[in-house]
Amino acid sequence: QESIAEKALQFLILTAARTGEVLGARWSEINLAEKIW
């Protein structure tokens, strides 16, 4: 799938985060270099 909803669900599954945490995620919270949210 190519929708944002499917990507969000995949991210939720991979991180074991709560729905609200995933939906409320901000780019400022994510450090790609250190691989940490």
PDB file of all heavy atoms in Angstrom:
ATOM      1  N   GLN A   1       0.843  -1.202   0.000  1.00  0.00           N
ATOM      2  CA  GLN A   1       0.000   0.000   0.000  1.00  0.00           C
ATOM      3  C   GLN A   1       0.877   1.251   0.000  1.00  0.00           C
ATOM      4  O   GLN A   1       1.991   1.234   0.502  1.00  0.00           O
ATOM      5  CB  GLN A   1      -0.900   0.015   1.240  1.00  0.00           C
ATOM      6  CG  GLN A   1      -1.772  -1.201   1.384  1.00  0.00           C
ATOM      7  CD  GLN A   1      -2.792  -1.317   0.284  1.00  0.00           C
ATOM      8  OE1 GLN A   1      -3.397  -0.339  -0.117  1.00  0.00           O
ATOM      9  NE2 GLN A   1      -2.974  -2.522  -0.216  1.00  0.00           N
ATOM     10  N   GLU A   2       0.360   2.321  -0.497  1.00  0.00           N
ATOM     11  CA  GLU A   2       1.118   3.567  -0.558  1.00  0.00           C
ATOM     12  C   GLU A   2       0.453   4.696   0.234  1.00  0.00           C
ATOM     13  O   GLU A   2       0.820   5.840   0.089  1.00  0.00           O
ATOM     14  CB  GLU A   2       1.304   4.007  -2.016  1.00  0.00           C
ATOM     15  CG  GLU A   2       2.237   3.108  -2.793  1.00  0.00           C
ATOM     16  CD  GLU A   2       3.658   3.105  -2.244  1.00  0.00           C
ATOM     17  OE1 GLU A   2       4.150   4.168  -1.815  1.00  0.00           O
ATOM     18  OE2 GLU A   2       4.271   2.025  -2.218  1.00  0.00           O
ATOM     19  N   SER A   3      -0.506   4.369   1.076  1.00  0.00           N
ATOM     20  CA  SER A   3      -1.188   5.438   1.814  1.00  0.00           C
ATOM     21  C   SER A   3      -0.464   5.739   3.124  1.00  0.00           C
ATOM     22  O   SER A   3       0.282   4.918   3.660  1.00  0.00           O
ATOM     23  CB  SER A   3      -2.641   5.046   2.101  1.00  0.00           C
ATOM     24  OG  SER A   3      -2.709   4.138   3.161  1.00  0.00           O
ATOM     25  N   ILE A   4      -0.707   6.926   3.633  1.00  0.00           N
ATOM     26  CA  ILE A   4      -0.113   7.345   4.895  1.00  0.00           C
ATOM     27  C   ILE A   4      -0.609   6.466   6.035  1.00  0.00           C
ATOM     28  O   ILE A   4       0.152   6.114   6.937  1.00  0.00           O
ATOM     29  CB  ILE A   4      -0.415   8.835   5.153  1.00  0.00           C
ATOM     30  CG1 ILE A   4       0.325   9.672   4.112  1.00  0.00           C
ATOM     31  CG2 ILE A   4      -0.012   9.241   6.564  1.00  0.00           C
ATOM     32  CD1 ILE A   4      -0.027  11.139   4.123  1.00  0.00           C
ATOM     33  N   ALA A   5      -1.866   6.071   6.002  1.00  0.00           N
ATOM     34  CA  ALA A   5      -2.429   5.226   7.062  1.00  0.00           C
ATOM     35  C   ALA A   5      -1.694   3.895   7.156  1.00  0.00           C
ATOM     36  O   ALA A   5      -1.376   3.420   8.256  1.00  0.00           O
ATOM     37  CB  ALA A   5      -3.919   4.997   6.822  1.00  0.00           C
ATOM     38  N   GLU A   6      -1.416   3.276   6.027  1.00  0.00           N
ATOM     39  CA  GLU A   6      -0.694   2.001   6.035  1.00  0.00           C
ATOM     40  C   GLU A   6       0.741   2.172   6.531  1.00  0.00           C
ATOM     41  O   GLU A   6       1.255   1.335   7.257  1.00  0.00           O
ATOM     42  CB  GLU A   6      -0.702   1.356   4.646  1.00  0.00           C
ATOM     43  CG  GLU A   6      -1.948   0.551   4.365  1.00  0.00           C
ATOM     44  CD  GLU A   6      -3.123   1.399   3.891  1.00  0.00           C
ATOM     45  OE1 GLU A   6      -2.933   2.573   3.541  1.00  0.00           O
ATOM     46  OE2 GLU A   6      -4.238   0.871   3.875  1.00  0.00           O
ATOM     47  N   LYS A   7       1.373   3.265   6.143  1.00  0.00           N
ATOM     48  CA  LYS A   7       2.736   3.537   6.619  1.00  0.00           C
ATOM     49  C   LYS A   7       2.734   3.747   8.127  1.00  0.00           C
ATOM     50  O   LYS A   7       3.618   3.257   8.840  1.00  0.00           O
ATOM     51  CB  LYS A   7       3.325   4.769   5.924  1.00  0.00           C
ATOM     52  CG  LYS A   7       3.476   4.631   4.438  1.00  0.00           C
ATOM     53  CD  LYS A   7       4.668   3.807   4.083  1.00  0.00           C
ATOM     54  CE  LYS A   7       4.870   3.831   2.580  1.00  0.00           C
ATOM     55  NZ  LYS A   7       5.696   2.756   2.118  1.00  0.00           N
ATOM     56  N   ALA A   8       1.729   4.467   8.633  1.00  0.00           N
ATOM     57  CA  ALA A   8       1.624   4.704  10.075  1.00  0.00           C
ATOM     58  C   ALA A   8       1.416   3.393  10.820  1.00  0.00           C
ATOM     59  O   ALA A   8       2.015   3.167  11.877  1.00  0.00           O
ATOM     60  CB  ALA A   8       0.492   5.682  10.372  1.00  0.00           C
ATOM     61  N   LEU A   9       0.584   2.517  10.279  1.00  0.00           N
ATOM     62  CA  LEU A   9       0.345   1.226  10.914  1.00  0.00           C
ATOM     63  C   LEU A   9       1.611   0.370  10.917  1.00  0.00           C
ATOM     64  O   LEU A   9       1.945  -0.269  11.928  1.00  0.00           O
ATOM     65  CB  LEU A   9      -0.801   0.490  10.235  1.00  0.00           C
ATOM     66  CG  LEU A   9      -1.177  -0.869  10.832  1.00  0.00           C
ATOM     67  CD1 LEU A   9      -1.488  -0.761  12.318  1.00  0.00           C
ATOM     68  CD2 LEU A   9      -2.369  -1.458  10.074  1.00  0.00           C
ATOM     69  N   GLN A  10       2.337   0.374   9.824  1.00  0.00           N
ATOM     70  CA  GLN A  10       3.607  -0.358   9.780  1.00  0.00           C
ATOM     71  C   GLN A  10       4.567   0.182  10.837  1.00  0.00           C
ATOM     72  O   GLN A  10       5.216  -0.587  11.554  1.00  0.00           O
ATOM     73  CB  GLN A  10       4.270  -0.225   8.405  1.00  0.00           C
ATOM     74  CG  GLN A  10       3.692  -1.097   7.347  1.00  0.00           C
ATOM     75  CD  GLN A  10       4.464  -0.922   6.056  1.00  0.00           C
ATOM     76  OE1 GLN A  10       4.650   0.184   5.563  1.00  0.00           O
ATOM     77  NE2 GLN A  10       4.940  -2.029   5.517  1.00  0.00           N
ATOM     78  N   PHE A  11       4.669   1.505  10.938  1.00  0.00           N
ATOM     79  CA  PHE A  11       5.567   2.134  11.913  1.00  0.00           C
ATOM     80  C   PHE A  11       5.140   1.775  13.332  1.00  0.00           C
ATOM     81  O   PHE A  11       5.977   1.457  14.181  1.00  0.00           O
ATOM     82  CB  PHE A  11       5.574   3.656  11.696  1.00  0.00           C
ATOM     83  CG  PHE A  11       6.603   4.376  12.507  1.00  0.00           C
ATOM     84  CD1 PHE A  11       7.942   4.301  12.165  1.00  0.00           C
ATOM     85  CD2 PHE A  11       6.242   5.134  13.607  1.00  0.00           C
ATOM     86  CE1 PHE A  11       8.907   4.965  12.914  1.00  0.00           C
ATOM     87  CE2 PHE A  11       7.194   5.805  14.357  1.00  0.00           C
ATOM     88  CZ  PHE A  11       8.534   5.721  14.012  1.00  0.00           C
ATOM     89  N   LEU A  12       3.850   1.781  13.586  1.00  0.00           N
ATOM     90  CA  LEU A  12       3.314   1.403  14.891  1.00  0.00           C
ATOM     91  C   LEU A  12       3.721  -0.029  15.241  1.00  0.00           C
ATOM     92  O   LEU A  12       4.190  -0.307  16.346  1.00  0.00           O
ATOM     93  CB  LEU A  12       1.792   1.550  14.884  1.00  0.00           C
ATOM     94  CG  LEU A  12       1.062   1.219  16.167  1.00  0.00           C
ATOM     95  CD1 LEU A  12      -0.106   2.175  16.349  1.00  0.00           C
ATOM     96  CD2 LEU A  12       0.552  -0.204  16.148  1.00  0.00           C
ATOM     97  N   ILE A  13       3.559  -0.940  14.311  1.00  0.00           N
ATOM     98  CA  ILE A  13       3.914  -2.344  14.535  1.00  0.00           C
ATOM     99  C   ILE A  13       5.412  -2.485  14.796  1.00  0.00           C
ATOM    100  O   ILE A  13       5.834  -3.179  15.721  1.00  0.00           O
ATOM    101  CB  ILE A  13       3.480  -3.210  13.332  1.00  0.00           C
ATOM    102  CG1 ILE A  13       1.951  -3.270  13.254  1.00  0.00           C
ATOM    103  CG2 ILE A  13       4.081  -4.610  13.414  1.00  0.00           C
ATOM    104  CD1 ILE A  13       1.409  -3.818  11.941  1.00  0.00           C
ATOM    105  N   LEU A  14       6.220  -1.815  14.012  1.00  0.00           N
ATOM    106  CA  LEU A  14       7.672  -1.943  14.132  1.00  0.00           C
ATOM    107  C   LEU A  14       8.227  -1.331  15.415  1.00  0.00           C
ATOM    108  O   LEU A  14       9.267  -1.769  15.913  1.00  0.00           O
ATOM    109  CB  LEU A  14       8.361  -1.305  12.923  1.00  0.00           C
ATOM    110  CG  LEU A  14       8.172  -2.049  11.606  1.00  0.00           C
ATOM    111  CD1 LEU A  14       8.606  -1.174  10.444  1.00  0.00           C
ATOM    112  CD2 LEU A  14       8.940  -3.362  11.623  1.00  0.00           C
ATOM    113  N   THR A  15       7.555  -0.324  15.952  1.00  0.00           N
ATOM    114  CA  THR A  15       8.057   0.351  17.153  1.00  0.00           C
ATOM    115  C   THR A  15       7.318  -0.068  18.415  1.00  0.00           C
ATOM    116  O   THR A  15       7.737   0.292  19.512  1.00  0.00           O
ATOM    117  CB  THR A  15       7.935   1.882  17.011  1.00  0.00           C
ATOM    118  OG1 THR A  15       6.564   2.228  16.803  1.00  0.00           O
ATOM    119  CG2 THR A  15       8.804   2.398  15.870  1.00  0.00           C
ATOM    120  N   ALA A  16       6.218  -0.813  18.263  1.00  0.00           N
ATOM    121  CA  ALA A  16       5.387  -1.224  19.407  1.00  0.00           C
ATOM    122  C   ALA A  16       4.918  -0.009  20.209  1.00  0.00           C
ATOM    123  O   ALA A  16       4.766  -0.072  21.421  1.00  0.00           O
ATOM    124  CB  ALA A  16       6.112  -2.224  20.297  1.00  0.00           C
ATOM    125  N   ALA A  17       4.703   1.093  19.520  1.00  0.00           N
ATOM    126  CA  ALA A  17       4.235   2.321  20.163  1.00  0.00           C
ATOM    127  C   ALA A  17       2.707   2.341  20.189  1.00  0.00           C
ATOM    128  O   ALA A  17       2.045   1.546  19.519  1.00  0.00           O
ATOM    129  CB  ALA A  17       4.759   3.534  19.396  1.00  0.00           C
ATOM    130  N   ARG A  18       2.169   3.255  20.961  1.00  0.00           N
ATOM    131  CA  ARG A  18       0.717   3.442  21.005  1.00  0.00           C
ATOM    132  C   ARG A  18       0.280   4.284  19.804  1.00  0.00           C
ATOM    133  O   ARG A  18       1.054   5.083  19.273  1.00  0.00           O
ATOM    134  CB  ARG A  18       0.310   4.144  22.294  1.00  0.00           C
ATOM    135  CG  ARG A  18       0.575   3.331  23.540  1.00  0.00           C
ATOM    136  CD  ARG A  18       0.177   4.131  24.775  1.00  0.00           C
ATOM    137  NE  ARG A  18       0.468   3.395  25.974  1.00  0.00           N
ATOM    138  CZ  ARG A  18      -0.367   2.543  26.555  1.00  0.00           C
ATOM    139  NH1 ARG A  18      -1.560   2.338  26.038  1.00  0.00           N
ATOM    140  NH2 ARG A  18      -0.024   1.897  27.650  1.00  0.00           N
ATOM    141  N   THR A  19      -0.967   4.116  19.431  1.00  0.00           N
ATOM    142  CA  THR A  19      -1.502   4.835  18.271  1.00  0.00           C
ATOM    143  C   THR A  19      -1.318   6.347  18.408  1.00  0.00           C
ATOM    144  O   THR A  19      -0.865   7.013  17.477  1.00  0.00           O
ATOM    145  CB  THR A  19      -2.991   4.496  18.080  1.00  0.00           C
ATOM    146  OG1 THR A  19      -3.133   3.089  17.959  1.00  0.00           O
ATOM    147  CG2 THR A  19      -3.560   5.173  16.850  1.00  0.00           C
ATOM    148  N   GLY A  20      -1.659   6.890  19.561  1.00  0.00           N
ATOM    149  CA  GLY A  20      -1.546   8.339  19.781  1.00  0.00           C
ATOM    150  C   GLY A  20      -0.117   8.839  19.668  1.00  0.00           C
ATOM    151  O   GLY A  20       0.119   9.962  19.203  1.00  0.00           O
ATOM    152  N   GLU A  21       0.827   8.026  20.105  1.00  0.00           N
ATOM    153  CA  GLU A  21       2.239   8.407  20.003  1.00  0.00           C
ATOM    154  C   GLU A  21       2.665   8.485  18.546  1.00  0.00           C
ATOM    155  O   GLU A  21       3.364   9.410  18.136  1.00  0.00           O
ATOM    156  CB  GLU A  21       3.116   7.410  20.759  1.00  0.00           C
ATOM    157  CG  GLU A  21       2.872   7.397  22.250  1.00  0.00           C
ATOM    158  CD  GLU A  21       3.421   6.158  22.925  1.00  0.00           C
ATOM    159  OE1 GLU A  21       4.149   5.373  22.283  1.00  0.00           O
ATOM    160  OE2 GLU A  21       3.108   5.966  24.110  1.00  0.00           O
ATOM    161  N   VAL A  22       2.243   7.510  17.762  1.00  0.00           N
ATOM    162  CA  VAL A  22       2.602   7.486  16.336  1.00  0.00           C
ATOM    163  C   VAL A  22       1.924   8.635  15.597  1.00  0.00           C
ATOM    164  O   VAL A  22       2.566   9.359  14.835  1.00  0.00           O
ATOM    165  CB  VAL A  22       2.243   6.126  15.699  1.00  0.00           C
ATOM    166  CG1 VAL A  22       2.394   6.173  14.186  1.00  0.00           C
ATOM    167  CG2 VAL A  22       3.108   5.025  16.291  1.00  0.00           C
ATOM    168  N   LEU A  23       0.638   8.807  15.834  1.00  0.00           N
ATOM    169  CA  LEU A  23      -0.088   9.874  15.133  1.00  0.00           C
ATOM    170  C   LEU A  23       0.394  11.259  15.535  1.00  0.00           C
ATOM    171  O   LEU A  23       0.321  12.195  14.747  1.00  0.00           O
ATOM    172  CB  LEU A  23      -1.589   9.735  15.381  1.00  0.00           C
ATOM    173  CG  LEU A  23      -2.236   8.468  14.819  1.00  0.00           C
ATOM    174  CD1 LEU A  23      -3.718   8.412  15.184  1.00  0.00           C
ATOM    175  CD2 LEU A  23      -2.033   8.354  13.326  1.00  0.00           C
ATOM    176  N   GLY A  24       0.907  11.396  16.744  1.00  0.00           N
ATOM    177  CA  GLY A  24       1.385  12.691  17.226  1.00  0.00           C
ATOM    178  C   GLY A  24       2.868  12.915  17.023  1.00  0.00           C
ATOM    179  O   GLY A  24       3.402  13.941  17.432  1.00  0.00           O
ATOM    180  N   ALA A  25       3.545  11.964  16.395  1.00  0.00           N
ATOM    181  CA  ALA A  25       4.999  12.079  16.211  1.00  0.00           C
ATOM    182  C   ALA A  25       5.362  13.322  15.407  1.00  0.00           C
ATOM    183  O   ALA A  25       4.660  13.710  14.473  1.00  0.00           O
ATOM    184  CB  ALA A  25       5.538  10.830  15.520  1.00  0.00           C
ATOM    185  N   ARG A  26       6.460  13.939  15.799  1.00  0.00           N
ATOM    186  CA  ARG A  26       6.986  15.128  15.121  1.00  0.00           C
ATOM    187  C   ARG A  26       8.399  14.834  14.648  1.00  0.00           C
ATOM    188  O   ARG A  26       9.141  14.086  15.289  1.00  0.00           O
ATOM    189  CB  ARG A  26       7.020  16.333  16.078  1.00  0.00           C
ATOM    190  CG  ARG A  26       5.668  16.692  16.653  1.00  0.00           C
ATOM    191  CD  ARG A  26       4.788  17.301  15.572  1.00  0.00           C
ATOM    192  NE  ARG A  26       3.448  17.549  16.036  1.00  0.00           N
ATOM    193  CZ  ARG A  26       2.368  16.853  15.700  1.00  0.00           C
ATOM    194  NH1 ARG A  26       2.487  15.813  14.900  1.00  0.00           N
ATOM    195  NH2 ARG A  26       1.176  17.162  16.145  1.00  0.00           N
ATOM    196  N   TRP A  27       8.781  15.446  13.551  1.00  0.00           N
ATOM    197  CA  TRP A  27      10.129  15.222  13.018  1.00  0.00           C
ATOM    198  C   TRP A  27      11.188  15.634  14.027  1.00  0.00           C
ATOM    199  O   TRP A  27      12.267  15.047  14.069  1.00  0.00           O
ATOM    200  CB  TRP A  27      10.317  15.958  11.695  1.00  0.00           C
ATOM    201  CG  TRP A  27       9.562  15.308  10.580  1.00  0.00           C
ATOM    202  CD1 TRP A  27       8.477  15.810   9.919  1.00  0.00           C
ATOM    203  CD2 TRP A  27       9.807  14.017  10.009  1.00  0.00           C
ATOM    204  NE1 TRP A  27       8.040  14.911   8.981  1.00  0.00           N
ATOM    205  CE2 TRP A  27       8.836  13.800   9.009  1.00  0.00           C
ATOM    206  CE3 TRP A  27      10.746  13.019  10.245  1.00  0.00           C
ATOM    207  CZ2 TRP A  27       8.786  12.630   8.255  1.00  0.00           C
ATOM    208  CZ3 TRP A  27      10.697  11.852   9.491  1.00  0.00           C
ATOM    209  CH2 TRP A  27       9.730  11.675   8.509  1.00  0.00           C
ATOM    210  N   SER A  28      10.907  16.606  14.855  1.00  0.00           N
ATOM    211  CA  SER A  28      11.879  17.066  15.851  1.00  0.00           C
ATOM    212  C   SER A  28      12.171  15.996  16.903  1.00  0.00           C
ATOM    213  O   SER A  28      13.183  16.081  17.609  1.00  0.00           O
ATOM    214  CB  SER A  28      11.377  18.336  16.531  1.00  0.00           C
ATOM    215  OG  SER A  28      10.140  18.099  17.188  1.00  0.00           O
ATOM    216  N   GLU A  29      11.320  14.987  17.028  1.00  0.00           N
ATOM    217  CA  GLU A  29      11.506  13.905  17.998  1.00  0.00           C
ATOM    218  C   GLU A  29      12.391  12.785  17.450  1.00  0.00           C
ATOM    219  O   GLU A  29      12.835  11.928  18.202  1.00  0.00           O
ATOM    220  CB  GLU A  29      10.154  13.300  18.382  1.00  0.00           C
ATOM    221  CG  GLU A  29       9.202  14.277  19.020  1.00  0.00           C
ATOM    222  CD  GLU A  29       7.804  13.727  19.180  1.00  0.00           C
ATOM    223  OE1 GLU A  29       7.515  12.602  18.727  1.00  0.00           O
ATOM    224  OE2 GLU A  29       6.978  14.444  19.768  1.00  0.00           O
ATOM    225  N   ILE A  30      12.630  12.799  16.159  1.00  0.00           N
ATOM    226  CA  ILE A  30      13.307  11.676  15.497  1.00  0.00           C
ATOM    227  C   ILE A  30      14.737  12.061  15.141  1.00  0.00           C
ATOM    228  O   ILE A  30      14.986  13.083  14.495  1.00  0.00           O
ATOM    229  CB  ILE A  30      12.521  11.241  14.248  1.00  0.00           C
ATOM    230  CG1 ILE A  30      11.144  10.740  14.695  1.00  0.00           C
ATOM    231  CG2 ILE A  30      13.284  10.193  13.454  1.00  0.00           C
ATOM    232  CD1 ILE A  30      10.149  10.554  13.596  1.00  0.00           C
ATOM    233  N   ASN A  31      15.661  11.218  15.565  1.00  0.00           N
ATOM    234  CA  ASN A  31      17.068  11.406  15.238  1.00  0.00           C
ATOM    235  C   ASN A  31      17.463  10.260  14.310  1.00  0.00           C
ATOM    236  O   ASN A  31      17.709   9.131  14.764  1.00  0.00           O
ATOM    237  CB  ASN A  31      17.916  11.402  16.513  1.00  0.00           C
ATOM    238  CG  ASN A  31      19.366  11.714  16.244  1.00  0.00           C
ATOM    239  OD1 ASN A  31      19.916  11.332  15.212  1.00  0.00           O
ATOM    240  ND2 ASN A  31      19.994  12.402  17.179  1.00  0.00           N
ATOM    241  N   LEU A  32      17.487  10.539  13.019  1.00  0.00           N
ATOM    242  CA  LEU A  32      17.801   9.505  12.034  1.00  0.00           C
ATOM    243  C   LEU A  32      19.238   9.014  12.167  1.00  0.00           C
ATOM    244  O   LEU A  32      19.506   7.828  11.998  1.00  0.00           O
ATOM    245  CB  LEU A  32      17.549  10.019  10.618  1.00  0.00           C
ATOM    246  CG  LEU A  32      16.090  10.324  10.262  1.00  0.00           C
ATOM    247  CD1 LEU A  32      15.999  10.970   8.886  1.00  0.00           C
ATOM    248  CD2 LEU A  32      15.244   9.070  10.327  1.00  0.00           C
ATOM    249  N   ALA A  33      20.151   9.910  12.488  1.00  0.00           N
ATOM    250  CA  ALA A  33      21.559   9.526  12.602  1.00  0.00           C
ATOM    251  C   ALA A  33      21.779   8.535  13.749  1.00  0.00           C
ATOM    252  O   ALA A  33      22.540   7.582  13.619  1.00  0.00           O
ATOM    253  CB  ALA A  33      22.426  10.763  12.798  1.00  0.00           C
ATOM    254  N   GLU A  34      21.105   8.768  14.877  1.00  0.00           N
ATOM    255  CA  GLU A  34      21.254   7.877  16.033  1.00  0.00           C
ATOM    256  C   GLU A  34      20.227   6.750  16.047  1.00  0.00           C
ATOM    257  O   GLU A  34      20.261   5.894  16.930  1.00  0.00           O
ATOM    258  CB  GLU A  34      21.173   8.683  17.321  1.00  0.00           C
ATOM    259  CG  GLU A  34      22.355   9.605  17.517  1.00  0.00           C
ATOM    260  CD  GLU A  34      22.338  10.300  18.858  1.00  0.00           C
ATOM    261  OE1 GLU A  34      21.647   9.828  19.784  1.00  0.00           O
ATOM    262  OE2 GLU A  34      23.019  11.325  18.990  1.00  0.00           O
ATOM    263  N   LYS A  35      19.295   6.787  15.100  1.00  0.00           N
ATOM    264  CA  LYS A  35      18.243   5.766  14.977  1.00  0.00           C
ATOM    265  C   LYS A  35      17.406   5.671  16.251  1.00  0.00           C
ATOM    266  O   LYS A  35      17.122   4.583  16.751  1.00  0.00           O
ATOM    267  CB  LYS A  35      18.842   4.401  14.630  1.00  0.00           C
ATOM    268  CG  LYS A  35      19.642   4.404  13.342  1.00  0.00           C
ATOM    269  CD  LYS A  35      20.249   3.060  13.090  1.00  0.00           C
ATOM    270  CE  LYS A  35      21.129   3.107  11.842  1.00  0.00           C
ATOM    271  NZ  LYS A  35      21.778   1.841  11.578  1.00  0.00           N
ATOM    272  N   ILE A  36      17.003   6.845  16.757  1.00  0.00           N
ATOM    273  CA  ILE A  36      16.211   6.924  17.991  1.00  0.00           C
ATOM    274  C   ILE A  36      15.049   7.885  17.796  1.00  0.00           C
ATOM    275  O   ILE A  36      15.203   8.963  17.220  1.00  0.00           O
ATOM    276  CB  ILE A  36      17.077   7.432  19.170  1.00  0.00           C
ATOM    277  CG1 ILE A  36      18.154   6.424  19.518  1.00  0.00           C
ATOM    278  CG2 ILE A  36      16.245   7.761  20.404  1.00  0.00           C
ATOM    279  CD1 ILE A  36      17.675   5.193  20.247  1.00  0.00           C
ATOM    280  N   TRP A  37      13.898   7.486  18.299  1.00  0.00           N
ATOM    281  CA  TRP A  37      12.723   8.354  18.357  1.00  0.00           C
ATOM    282  C   TRP A  37      12.492   8.638  19.840  1.00  0.00           C
ATOM    283  O   TRP A  37      12.256   7.724  20.624  1.00  0.00           O
ATOM    284  CB  TRP A  37      11.534   7.646  17.735  1.00  0.00           C
ATOM    285  CG  TRP A  37      10.188   8.297  17.906  1.00  0.00           C
ATOM    286  CD1 TRP A  37       9.922   9.630  18.034  1.00  0.00           C
ATOM    287  CD2 TRP A  37       8.923   7.641  17.942  1.00  0.00           C
ATOM    288  NE1 TRP A  37       8.581   9.845  18.150  1.00  0.00           N
ATOM    289  CE2 TRP A  37       7.947   8.627  18.097  1.00  0.00           C
ATOM    290  CE3 TRP A  37       8.532   6.313  17.873  1.00  0.00           C
ATOM    291  CZ2 TRP A  37       6.590   8.332  18.172  1.00  0.00           C
ATOM    292  CZ3 TRP A  37       7.187   6.012  17.945  1.00  0.00           C
ATOM    293  CH2 TRP A  37       6.233   7.016  18.091  1.00  0.00           C
TER     294      TRP A  37
END
